[in-house]
Amino acid sequence: MVLADDNFATIIAAVAEGRAIYNNTKQFIRYMISSNIGEVVCIFVAAVLGIPDTLYAYGLPATAIGFNKQDSDVMKAKPRKANEAVVSGWLFFRFGAIGAYVGLATIAGFIWWFLYSDSGPKLPYSELLFNKGTAYPCSVFSDRHPSTVSMTVLVVVEMFNALNNL
């Protein structure tokens, strides 16, 4: 720590700022890991089920988490141990569970459009699989509506995940 003056309040403010940076970094890591696991689960499950691609490239709202204001009670917390891990085993398990939920919810939205949506083709599930022949035209699978539904589900769930990480 480099002091700009000899005021003790400067030290307190520097420690508070350091704690806020550490907390924001932890929140950012939690959000990114759980969201990215969800996206990987979505892509993997789609491949295993043999259904068309559910997601296309997009951006994430994670950057905003890194700029949160510090908590008003940041200095009331006990100092963390120097060897404390940013991500513990329990947190990593939680990330995996949240990621699985995000991925499965995204896939469910995609499949829902093909099978149940009033504006969808209402295919039987077996017709949705790539490894089977289909009586439907290929244009059914080039429609952007199912990708839009799955992206909407993904974004909404990730927004709740971002709020959860605050």
N, C-alpha and C. Protein backbone atom coordinates (compact mmCIF):
# COMPACT_ATOMS: atom_id res chain seq x y z
N MET A 1 0.85 -1.16 0.00
CA MET A 1 0.00 0.00 0.00
C MET A 1 0.90 1.23 0.00
N VAL A 2 0.59 2.15 -0.88
CA VAL A 2 1.32 3.41 -0.95
C VAL A 2 0.40 4.49 -0.39
N LEU A 3 0.87 5.19 0.62
CA LEU A 3 0.07 6.24 1.24
C LEU A 3 0.30 7.58 0.57
N ALA A 4 -0.78 8.27 0.28
CA ALA A 4 -0.69 9.59 -0.33
C ALA A 4 -0.47 10.68 0.71
N ASP A 5 -0.84 10.37 1.96
CA ASP A 5 -0.66 11.35 3.04
C ASP A 5 -0.49 10.58 4.35
N ASP A 6 -0.40 11.29 5.45
CA ASP A 6 -0.18 10.64 6.75
C ASP A 6 -1.47 10.54 7.56
N ASN A 7 -2.60 10.53 6.88
CA ASN A 7 -3.90 10.46 7.53
C ASN A 7 -4.31 9.00 7.70
N PHE A 8 -4.71 8.60 8.91
CA PHE A 8 -5.11 7.22 9.16
C PHE A 8 -6.37 6.85 8.38
N ALA A 9 -7.22 7.83 8.10
CA ALA A 9 -8.44 7.59 7.33
C ALA A 9 -8.12 7.09 5.92
N THR A 10 -6.96 7.50 5.40
CA THR A 10 -6.54 7.04 4.08
C THR A 10 -6.28 5.54 4.09
N ILE A 11 -5.70 5.03 5.16
CA ILE A 11 -5.44 3.59 5.30
C ILE A 11 -6.76 2.84 5.36
N ILE A 12 -7.70 3.35 6.14
CA ILE A 12 -9.01 2.71 6.25
C ILE A 12 -9.71 2.68 4.90
N ALA A 13 -9.66 3.79 4.17
CA ALA A 13 -10.30 3.85 2.85
C ALA A 13 -9.63 2.88 1.88
N ALA A 14 -8.31 2.74 1.95
CA ALA A 14 -7.59 1.82 1.07
C ALA A 14 -7.95 0.38 1.37
N VAL A 15 -8.06 0.02 2.65
CA VAL A 15 -8.45 -1.34 3.02
C VAL A 15 -9.88 -1.61 2.56
N ALA A 16 -10.78 -0.65 2.75
CA ALA A 16 -12.17 -0.82 2.31
C ALA A 16 -12.24 -1.01 0.80
N GLU A 17 -11.47 -0.23 0.06
CA GLU A 17 -11.46 -0.36 -1.40
C GLU A 17 -10.91 -1.72 -1.82
N GLY A 18 -9.87 -2.19 -1.15
CA GLY A 18 -9.31 -3.51 -1.44
C GLY A 18 -10.31 -4.62 -1.19
N ARG A 19 -11.05 -4.51 -0.09
CA ARG A 19 -12.08 -5.51 0.21
C ARG A 19 -13.20 -5.47 -0.84
N ALA A 20 -13.57 -4.29 -1.27
CA ALA A 20 -14.61 -4.17 -2.30
C ALA A 20 -14.14 -4.79 -3.61
N ILE A 21 -12.89 -4.55 -3.97
CA ILE A 21 -12.35 -5.14 -5.20
C ILE A 21 -12.34 -6.66 -5.09
N TYR A 22 -11.93 -7.17 -3.95
CA TYR A 22 -11.91 -8.62 -3.74
C TYR A 22 -13.33 -9.20 -3.84
N ASN A 23 -14.30 -8.55 -3.20
CA ASN A 23 -15.69 -9.03 -3.25
C ASN A 23 -16.24 -9.00 -4.68
N ASN A 24 -15.97 -7.93 -5.42
CA ASN A 24 -16.44 -7.84 -6.80
C ASN A 24 -15.79 -8.91 -7.67
N THR A 25 -14.52 -9.18 -7.42
CA THR A 25 -13.82 -10.22 -8.18
C THR A 25 -14.44 -11.58 -7.92
N LYS A 26 -14.75 -11.86 -6.65
CA LYS A 26 -15.41 -13.13 -6.31
C LYS A 26 -16.76 -13.25 -6.99
N GLN A 27 -17.54 -12.18 -6.98
CA GLN A 27 -18.86 -12.21 -7.61
C GLN A 27 -18.73 -12.43 -9.11
N PHE A 28 -17.79 -11.76 -9.73
CA PHE A 28 -17.56 -11.90 -11.16
C PHE A 28 -17.19 -13.34 -11.50
N ILE A 29 -16.27 -13.92 -10.74
CA ILE A 29 -15.85 -15.31 -10.98
C ILE A 29 -17.02 -16.26 -10.81
N ARG A 30 -17.80 -16.08 -9.74
CA ARG A 30 -18.96 -16.95 -9.52
C ARG A 30 -19.93 -16.88 -10.69
N TYR A 31 -20.22 -15.68 -11.14
CA TYR A 31 -21.16 -15.52 -12.24
C TYR A 31 -20.63 -16.15 -13.52
N MET A 32 -19.39 -15.85 -13.85
CA MET A 32 -18.83 -16.35 -15.11
C MET A 32 -18.74 -17.87 -15.14
N ILE A 33 -18.29 -18.46 -14.04
CA ILE A 33 -18.17 -19.92 -14.02
C ILE A 33 -19.54 -20.57 -14.14
N SER A 34 -20.50 -20.14 -13.32
CA SER A 34 -21.81 -20.79 -13.36
C SER A 34 -22.50 -20.56 -14.70
N SER A 35 -22.37 -19.38 -15.28
CA SER A 35 -23.00 -19.12 -16.58
C SER A 35 -22.33 -19.91 -17.69
N ASN A 36 -21.01 -19.94 -17.69
CA ASN A 36 -20.31 -20.67 -18.75
C ASN A 36 -20.54 -22.17 -18.65
N ILE A 37 -20.63 -22.69 -17.43
CA ILE A 37 -20.96 -24.11 -17.28
C ILE A 37 -22.34 -24.37 -17.89
N GLY A 38 -23.28 -23.45 -17.66
CA GLY A 38 -24.62 -23.59 -18.23
C GLY A 38 -24.61 -23.62 -19.74
N GLU A 39 -23.81 -22.78 -20.34
CA GLU A 39 -23.73 -22.75 -21.81
C GLU A 39 -23.09 -24.03 -22.34
N VAL A 40 -22.08 -24.52 -21.67
CA VAL A 40 -21.44 -25.77 -22.08
C VAL A 40 -22.42 -26.93 -21.94
N VAL A 41 -23.17 -26.96 -20.83
CA VAL A 41 -24.18 -28.01 -20.63
C VAL A 41 -25.21 -27.96 -21.75
N CYS A 42 -25.66 -26.77 -22.10
CA CYS A 42 -26.64 -26.61 -23.17
C CYS A 42 -26.13 -27.18 -24.48
N ILE A 43 -24.93 -26.81 -24.86
CA ILE A 43 -24.36 -27.29 -26.12
C ILE A 43 -24.11 -28.79 -26.08
N PHE A 44 -23.60 -29.29 -24.95
CA PHE A 44 -23.31 -30.72 -24.81
C PHE A 44 -24.59 -31.55 -24.86
N VAL A 45 -25.60 -31.13 -24.11
CA VAL A 45 -26.86 -31.89 -24.07
C VAL A 45 -27.53 -31.89 -25.44
N ALA A 46 -27.47 -30.75 -26.15
CA ALA A 46 -28.04 -30.71 -27.50
C ALA A 46 -27.33 -31.71 -28.41
N ALA A 47 -26.02 -31.80 -28.29
CA ALA A 47 -25.26 -32.75 -29.12
C ALA A 47 -25.60 -34.18 -28.74
N VAL A 48 -25.72 -34.46 -27.44
CA VAL A 48 -26.04 -35.82 -27.00
C VAL A 48 -27.45 -36.22 -27.45
N LEU A 49 -28.40 -35.28 -27.36
CA LEU A 49 -29.77 -35.57 -27.77
C LEU A 49 -29.93 -35.62 -29.29
N GLY A 50 -28.94 -35.07 -30.00
CA GLY A 50 -29.00 -35.08 -31.45
C GLY A 50 -29.96 -34.05 -32.01
N ILE A 51 -30.18 -32.95 -31.29
CA ILE A 51 -31.06 -31.90 -31.79
C ILE A 51 -30.23 -30.80 -32.42
N PRO A 52 -30.86 -29.91 -33.21
CA PRO A 52 -30.10 -28.83 -33.85
C PRO A 52 -29.43 -27.91 -32.83
N ASP A 53 -28.48 -27.10 -33.31
CA ASP A 53 -27.77 -26.14 -32.45
C ASP A 53 -28.77 -25.21 -31.79
N THR A 54 -28.62 -25.01 -30.48
CA THR A 54 -29.56 -24.18 -29.75
C THR A 54 -29.08 -22.76 -29.58
N LEU A 55 -27.78 -22.53 -29.53
CA LEU A 55 -27.24 -21.21 -29.24
C LEU A 55 -26.33 -20.73 -30.36
N TYR A 56 -26.33 -19.41 -30.52
CA TYR A 56 -25.40 -18.75 -31.42
C TYR A 56 -24.62 -17.74 -30.57
N ALA A 57 -23.59 -17.14 -31.13
CA ALA A 57 -22.73 -16.23 -30.36
C ALA A 57 -23.52 -15.04 -29.81
N TYR A 58 -23.15 -14.60 -28.62
CA TYR A 58 -23.77 -13.45 -27.98
C TYR A 58 -22.85 -12.93 -26.90
N GLY A 59 -23.21 -11.80 -26.28
CA GLY A 59 -22.40 -11.20 -25.22
C GLY A 59 -23.00 -11.43 -23.85
N LEU A 60 -22.22 -11.19 -22.81
CA LEU A 60 -22.66 -11.42 -21.44
C LEU A 60 -22.75 -10.12 -20.65
N PRO A 61 -23.63 -10.06 -19.64
CA PRO A 61 -23.74 -8.86 -18.80
C PRO A 61 -22.78 -8.87 -17.61
N ALA A 62 -21.77 -9.68 -17.65
CA ALA A 62 -20.92 -9.89 -16.48
C ALA A 62 -20.03 -8.71 -16.12
N THR A 63 -19.68 -7.90 -17.07
CA THR A 63 -18.76 -6.79 -16.81
C THR A 63 -19.30 -5.86 -15.72
N ALA A 64 -20.60 -5.66 -15.70
CA ALA A 64 -21.20 -4.74 -14.72
C ALA A 64 -20.96 -5.20 -13.30
N ILE A 65 -20.86 -6.50 -13.08
CA ILE A 65 -20.65 -7.02 -11.72
C ILE A 65 -19.32 -6.52 -11.15
N GLY A 66 -18.33 -6.35 -11.98
CA GLY A 66 -17.03 -5.90 -11.51
C GLY A 66 -16.99 -4.46 -11.05
N PHE A 67 -18.04 -3.69 -11.32
CA PHE A 67 -18.06 -2.27 -10.97
C PHE A 67 -19.07 -1.95 -9.87
N ASN A 68 -19.46 -2.94 -9.08
CA ASN A 68 -20.38 -2.69 -7.98
C ASN A 68 -19.74 -1.78 -6.95
N LYS A 69 -20.58 -0.95 -6.33
CA LYS A 69 -20.09 -0.11 -5.23
C LYS A 69 -19.84 -1.01 -4.03
N GLN A 70 -18.93 -0.58 -3.18
CA GLN A 70 -18.64 -1.40 -2.00
C GLN A 70 -19.80 -1.38 -1.02
N ASP A 71 -19.96 -2.47 -0.30
CA ASP A 71 -21.00 -2.56 0.71
C ASP A 71 -20.73 -1.55 1.81
N SER A 72 -21.79 -1.05 2.42
CA SER A 72 -21.61 -0.06 3.49
C SER A 72 -20.96 -0.67 4.73
N ASP A 73 -21.09 -1.98 4.88
CA ASP A 73 -20.52 -2.64 6.07
C ASP A 73 -19.26 -3.45 5.74
N VAL A 74 -18.55 -3.09 4.68
CA VAL A 74 -17.38 -3.85 4.26
C VAL A 74 -16.30 -3.88 5.34
N MET A 75 -16.20 -2.84 6.14
CA MET A 75 -15.17 -2.78 7.17
C MET A 75 -15.60 -3.50 8.46
N LYS A 76 -16.86 -3.91 8.55
CA LYS A 76 -17.32 -4.63 9.74
C LYS A 76 -16.98 -6.12 9.65
N ALA A 77 -16.72 -6.60 8.45
CA ALA A 77 -16.38 -8.01 8.27
C ALA A 77 -14.97 -8.28 8.79
N LYS A 78 -14.78 -9.48 9.30
CA LYS A 78 -13.45 -9.87 9.77
C LYS A 78 -12.53 -10.01 8.56
N PRO A 79 -11.25 -9.74 8.74
CA PRO A 79 -10.32 -9.93 7.62
C PRO A 79 -10.29 -11.39 7.19
N ARG A 80 -10.18 -11.62 5.91
CA ARG A 80 -10.13 -13.00 5.43
C ARG A 80 -8.73 -13.55 5.66
N LYS A 81 -8.65 -14.86 5.71
CA LYS A 81 -7.35 -15.50 5.87
C LYS A 81 -6.57 -15.37 4.56
N ALA A 82 -5.29 -15.22 4.67
CA ALA A 82 -4.45 -15.03 3.48
C ALA A 82 -4.50 -16.25 2.56
N ASN A 83 -4.70 -17.43 3.11
CA ASN A 83 -4.72 -18.65 2.29
C ASN A 83 -6.14 -19.09 1.92
N GLU A 84 -7.14 -18.23 2.16
CA GLU A 84 -8.52 -18.56 1.84
C GLU A 84 -8.70 -18.60 0.32
N ALA A 85 -9.31 -19.68 -0.16
CA ALA A 85 -9.53 -19.83 -1.59
C ALA A 85 -10.68 -18.94 -2.06
N VAL A 86 -10.55 -18.42 -3.24
CA VAL A 86 -11.63 -17.62 -3.81
C VAL A 86 -12.83 -18.52 -4.13
N VAL A 87 -12.55 -19.71 -4.62
CA VAL A 87 -13.59 -20.68 -4.95
C VAL A 87 -13.34 -21.95 -4.14
N SER A 88 -14.26 -22.24 -3.22
CA SER A 88 -14.13 -23.46 -2.41
C SER A 88 -14.79 -24.63 -3.14
N GLY A 89 -14.62 -25.82 -2.60
CA GLY A 89 -15.23 -27.01 -3.19
C GLY A 89 -16.75 -26.91 -3.23
N TRP A 90 -17.35 -26.40 -2.14
CA TRP A 90 -18.80 -26.25 -2.09
C TRP A 90 -19.28 -25.25 -3.14
N LEU A 91 -18.56 -24.13 -3.30
CA LEU A 91 -18.95 -23.15 -4.31
C LEU A 91 -18.85 -23.72 -5.72
N PHE A 92 -17.81 -24.51 -5.97
CA PHE A 92 -17.67 -25.10 -7.29
C PHE A 92 -18.82 -26.07 -7.57
N PHE A 93 -19.24 -26.82 -6.55
CA PHE A 93 -20.40 -27.70 -6.70
C PHE A 93 -21.64 -26.88 -7.03
N ARG A 94 -21.80 -25.76 -6.32
CA ARG A 94 -22.93 -24.86 -6.57
C ARG A 94 -22.90 -24.33 -7.99
N PHE A 95 -21.69 -23.96 -8.47
CA PHE A 95 -21.56 -23.49 -9.84
C PHE A 95 -22.04 -24.55 -10.82
N GLY A 96 -21.63 -25.78 -10.56
CA GLY A 96 -22.04 -26.88 -11.44
C GLY A 96 -23.54 -27.09 -11.43
N ALA A 97 -24.16 -27.00 -10.26
CA ALA A 97 -25.61 -27.18 -10.16
C ALA A 97 -26.34 -26.05 -10.89
N ILE A 98 -25.89 -24.82 -10.68
CA ILE A 98 -26.52 -23.68 -11.36
C ILE A 98 -26.30 -23.79 -12.86
N GLY A 99 -25.08 -24.17 -13.25
CA GLY A 99 -24.78 -24.33 -14.66
C GLY A 99 -25.63 -25.40 -15.32
N ALA A 100 -25.83 -26.51 -14.63
CA ALA A 100 -26.68 -27.58 -15.17
C ALA A 100 -28.11 -27.07 -15.34
N TYR A 101 -28.59 -26.32 -14.37
CA TYR A 101 -29.94 -25.76 -14.46
C TYR A 101 -30.06 -24.80 -15.64
N VAL A 102 -29.08 -23.91 -15.79
CA VAL A 102 -29.10 -22.95 -16.90
C VAL A 102 -29.11 -23.69 -18.24
N GLY A 103 -28.23 -24.67 -18.38
CA GLY A 103 -28.14 -25.41 -19.64
C GLY A 103 -29.39 -26.21 -19.95
N LEU A 104 -29.94 -26.89 -18.95
CA LEU A 104 -31.14 -27.70 -19.18
C LEU A 104 -32.37 -26.82 -19.44
N ALA A 105 -32.46 -25.69 -18.76
CA ALA A 105 -33.58 -24.77 -19.01
C ALA A 105 -33.51 -24.22 -20.43
N THR A 106 -32.31 -23.94 -20.91
CA THR A 106 -32.13 -23.43 -22.27
C THR A 106 -32.54 -24.47 -23.30
N ILE A 107 -32.11 -25.70 -23.09
CA ILE A 107 -32.49 -26.80 -23.99
C ILE A 107 -34.00 -27.01 -23.96
N ALA A 108 -34.59 -26.94 -22.76
CA ALA A 108 -36.03 -27.15 -22.63
C ALA A 108 -36.81 -26.10 -23.42
N GLY A 109 -36.35 -24.85 -23.39
CA GLY A 109 -37.02 -23.80 -24.17
C GLY A 109 -36.95 -24.08 -25.66
N PHE A 110 -35.80 -24.55 -26.11
CA PHE A 110 -35.60 -24.88 -27.53
C PHE A 110 -36.53 -26.01 -27.95
N ILE A 111 -36.54 -27.08 -27.18
CA ILE A 111 -37.37 -28.24 -27.50
C ILE A 111 -38.86 -27.87 -27.40
N TRP A 112 -39.21 -27.06 -26.40
CA TRP A 112 -40.61 -26.64 -26.23
C TRP A 112 -41.16 -26.02 -27.50
N TRP A 113 -40.36 -25.16 -28.14
CA TRP A 113 -40.86 -24.49 -29.34
C TRP A 113 -41.20 -25.51 -30.42
N PHE A 114 -40.33 -26.46 -30.65
CA PHE A 114 -40.57 -27.47 -31.70
C PHE A 114 -41.76 -28.37 -31.36
N LEU A 115 -41.93 -28.71 -30.09
CA LEU A 115 -42.94 -29.69 -29.72
C LEU A 115 -44.29 -29.10 -29.33
N TYR A 116 -44.31 -27.93 -28.66
CA TYR A 116 -45.55 -27.46 -28.05
C TYR A 116 -46.01 -26.06 -28.44
N SER A 117 -45.14 -25.21 -28.95
CA SER A 117 -45.50 -23.82 -29.24
C SER A 117 -46.58 -23.75 -30.31
N ASP A 118 -47.51 -22.82 -30.13
CA ASP A 118 -48.57 -22.63 -31.13
C ASP A 118 -48.00 -22.17 -32.46
N SER A 119 -46.89 -21.43 -32.42
CA SER A 119 -46.28 -20.97 -33.67
C SER A 119 -45.23 -21.95 -34.21
N GLY A 120 -44.99 -23.03 -33.49
CA GLY A 120 -44.02 -24.03 -33.91
C GLY A 120 -44.65 -25.14 -34.73
N PRO A 121 -43.83 -26.05 -35.22
CA PRO A 121 -44.35 -27.12 -36.08
C PRO A 121 -45.02 -28.27 -35.32
N LYS A 122 -44.89 -28.28 -33.99
CA LYS A 122 -45.46 -29.34 -33.14
C LYS A 122 -45.02 -30.73 -33.61
N LEU A 123 -43.71 -30.86 -33.74
CA LEU A 123 -43.11 -32.13 -34.14
C LEU A 123 -43.21 -33.15 -33.02
N PRO A 124 -43.28 -34.42 -33.34
CA PRO A 124 -43.04 -35.41 -32.29
C PRO A 124 -41.54 -35.39 -31.97
N TYR A 125 -41.16 -35.74 -30.76
CA TYR A 125 -39.76 -35.65 -30.35
C TYR A 125 -38.85 -36.44 -31.28
N SER A 126 -39.29 -37.59 -31.75
CA SER A 126 -38.45 -38.42 -32.62
C SER A 126 -38.11 -37.70 -33.92
N GLU A 127 -38.97 -36.78 -34.38
CA GLU A 127 -38.70 -36.03 -35.60
C GLU A 127 -37.66 -34.93 -35.39
N LEU A 128 -37.46 -34.56 -34.14
CA LEU A 128 -36.50 -33.50 -33.83
C LEU A 128 -35.05 -34.00 -33.89
N LEU A 129 -34.85 -35.28 -33.75
CA LEU A 129 -33.51 -35.86 -33.72
C LEU A 129 -32.90 -35.90 -35.11
N PHE A 130 -31.62 -35.60 -35.18
CA PHE A 130 -30.90 -35.60 -36.45
C PHE A 130 -30.69 -37.01 -37.01
N ASN A 131 -30.57 -37.98 -36.14
CA ASN A 131 -30.20 -39.30 -36.61
C ASN A 131 -31.38 -40.08 -37.20
N LYS A 132 -32.54 -39.47 -37.24
CA LYS A 132 -33.71 -40.12 -37.83
C LYS A 132 -34.10 -39.37 -39.09
N GLY A 133 -34.79 -40.05 -39.97
CA GLY A 133 -35.36 -39.36 -41.13
C GLY A 133 -36.56 -38.54 -40.66
N THR A 134 -36.94 -37.55 -41.42
CA THR A 134 -38.07 -36.73 -41.02
C THR A 134 -39.02 -36.51 -42.18
N ALA A 135 -40.29 -36.42 -41.87
CA ALA A 135 -41.31 -36.16 -42.88
C ALA A 135 -41.50 -34.66 -43.07
N TYR A 136 -40.83 -33.85 -42.26
CA TYR A 136 -40.98 -32.41 -42.31
C TYR A 136 -39.92 -31.80 -43.21
N PRO A 137 -40.18 -30.64 -43.80
CA PRO A 137 -39.16 -30.01 -44.65
C PRO A 137 -38.00 -29.47 -43.80
N CYS A 138 -36.83 -29.39 -44.40
CA CYS A 138 -35.64 -28.92 -43.69
C CYS A 138 -35.79 -27.47 -43.24
N SER A 139 -36.66 -26.71 -43.88
CA SER A 139 -36.84 -25.31 -43.50
C SER A 139 -37.34 -25.17 -42.07
N VAL A 140 -37.97 -26.21 -41.53
CA VAL A 140 -38.43 -26.19 -40.14
C VAL A 140 -37.24 -26.00 -39.20
N PHE A 141 -36.11 -26.59 -39.56
CA PHE A 141 -34.93 -26.55 -38.70
C PHE A 141 -34.07 -25.31 -38.92
N SER A 142 -34.37 -24.52 -39.96
CA SER A 142 -33.62 -23.28 -40.17
C SER A 142 -34.36 -22.07 -39.58
N ASP A 143 -35.52 -22.29 -39.03
CA ASP A 143 -36.30 -21.21 -38.39
C ASP A 143 -35.53 -20.70 -37.18
N ARG A 144 -35.52 -19.37 -36.97
CA ARG A 144 -34.79 -18.75 -35.86
C ARG A 144 -35.62 -18.68 -34.57
N HIS A 145 -36.90 -19.00 -34.63
CA HIS A 145 -37.74 -18.90 -33.43
C HIS A 145 -37.26 -19.78 -32.28
N PRO A 146 -36.91 -21.05 -32.51
CA PRO A 146 -36.45 -21.85 -31.37
C PRO A 146 -35.16 -21.33 -30.75
N SER A 147 -34.26 -20.81 -31.59
CA SER A 147 -33.03 -20.23 -31.05
C SER A 147 -33.34 -18.98 -30.24
N THR A 148 -34.33 -18.22 -30.69
CA THR A 148 -34.73 -17.02 -29.96
C THR A 148 -35.32 -17.39 -28.60
N VAL A 149 -36.14 -18.43 -28.58
CA VAL A 149 -36.72 -18.89 -27.31
C VAL A 149 -35.62 -19.35 -26.36
N SER A 150 -34.69 -20.16 -26.86
CA SER A 150 -33.62 -20.66 -25.99
C SER A 150 -32.72 -19.52 -25.53
N MET A 151 -32.45 -18.54 -26.39
CA MET A 151 -31.63 -17.40 -26.00
C MET A 151 -32.35 -16.56 -24.95
N THR A 152 -33.65 -16.39 -25.11
CA THR A 152 -34.43 -15.64 -24.13
C THR A 152 -34.40 -16.32 -22.78
N VAL A 153 -34.58 -17.63 -22.77
CA VAL A 153 -34.51 -18.39 -21.52
C VAL A 153 -33.13 -18.23 -20.90
N LEU A 154 -32.09 -18.37 -21.71
CA LEU A 154 -30.72 -18.25 -21.22
C LEU A 154 -30.47 -16.87 -20.61
N VAL A 155 -30.87 -15.82 -21.30
CA VAL A 155 -30.62 -14.46 -20.81
C VAL A 155 -31.40 -14.21 -19.52
N VAL A 156 -32.65 -14.62 -19.46
CA VAL A 156 -33.45 -14.40 -18.25
C VAL A 156 -32.85 -15.15 -17.07
N VAL A 157 -32.50 -16.42 -17.28
CA VAL A 157 -31.91 -17.20 -16.19
C VAL A 157 -30.57 -16.61 -15.78
N GLU A 158 -29.76 -16.15 -16.73
CA GLU A 158 -28.47 -15.56 -16.38
C GLU A 158 -28.63 -14.21 -15.68
N MET A 159 -29.68 -13.47 -15.98
CA MET A 159 -29.94 -12.22 -15.25
C MET A 159 -30.26 -12.53 -13.79
N PHE A 160 -31.08 -13.56 -13.57
CA PHE A 160 -31.35 -13.97 -12.19
C PHE A 160 -30.07 -14.48 -11.51
N ASN A 161 -29.23 -15.16 -12.29
CA ASN A 161 -27.94 -15.61 -11.74
C ASN A 161 -27.07 -14.43 -11.37
N ALA A 162 -27.07 -13.39 -12.21
CA ALA A 162 -26.29 -12.19 -11.89
C ALA A 162 -26.81 -11.52 -10.61
N LEU A 163 -28.13 -11.43 -10.48
CA LEU A 163 -28.70 -10.87 -9.26
C LEU A 163 -28.36 -11.73 -8.05
N ASN A 164 -28.36 -13.04 -8.25
CA ASN A 164 -28.01 -13.97 -7.17
C ASN A 164 -26.57 -13.76 -6.71
N ASN A 165 -25.68 -13.40 -7.62
CA ASN A 165 -24.28 -13.20 -7.27
C ASN A 165 -24.02 -11.87 -6.59
N LEU A 166 -24.98 -10.99 -6.61
CA LEU A 166 -24.83 -9.73 -5.89
C LEU A 166 -25.12 -9.98 -4.44
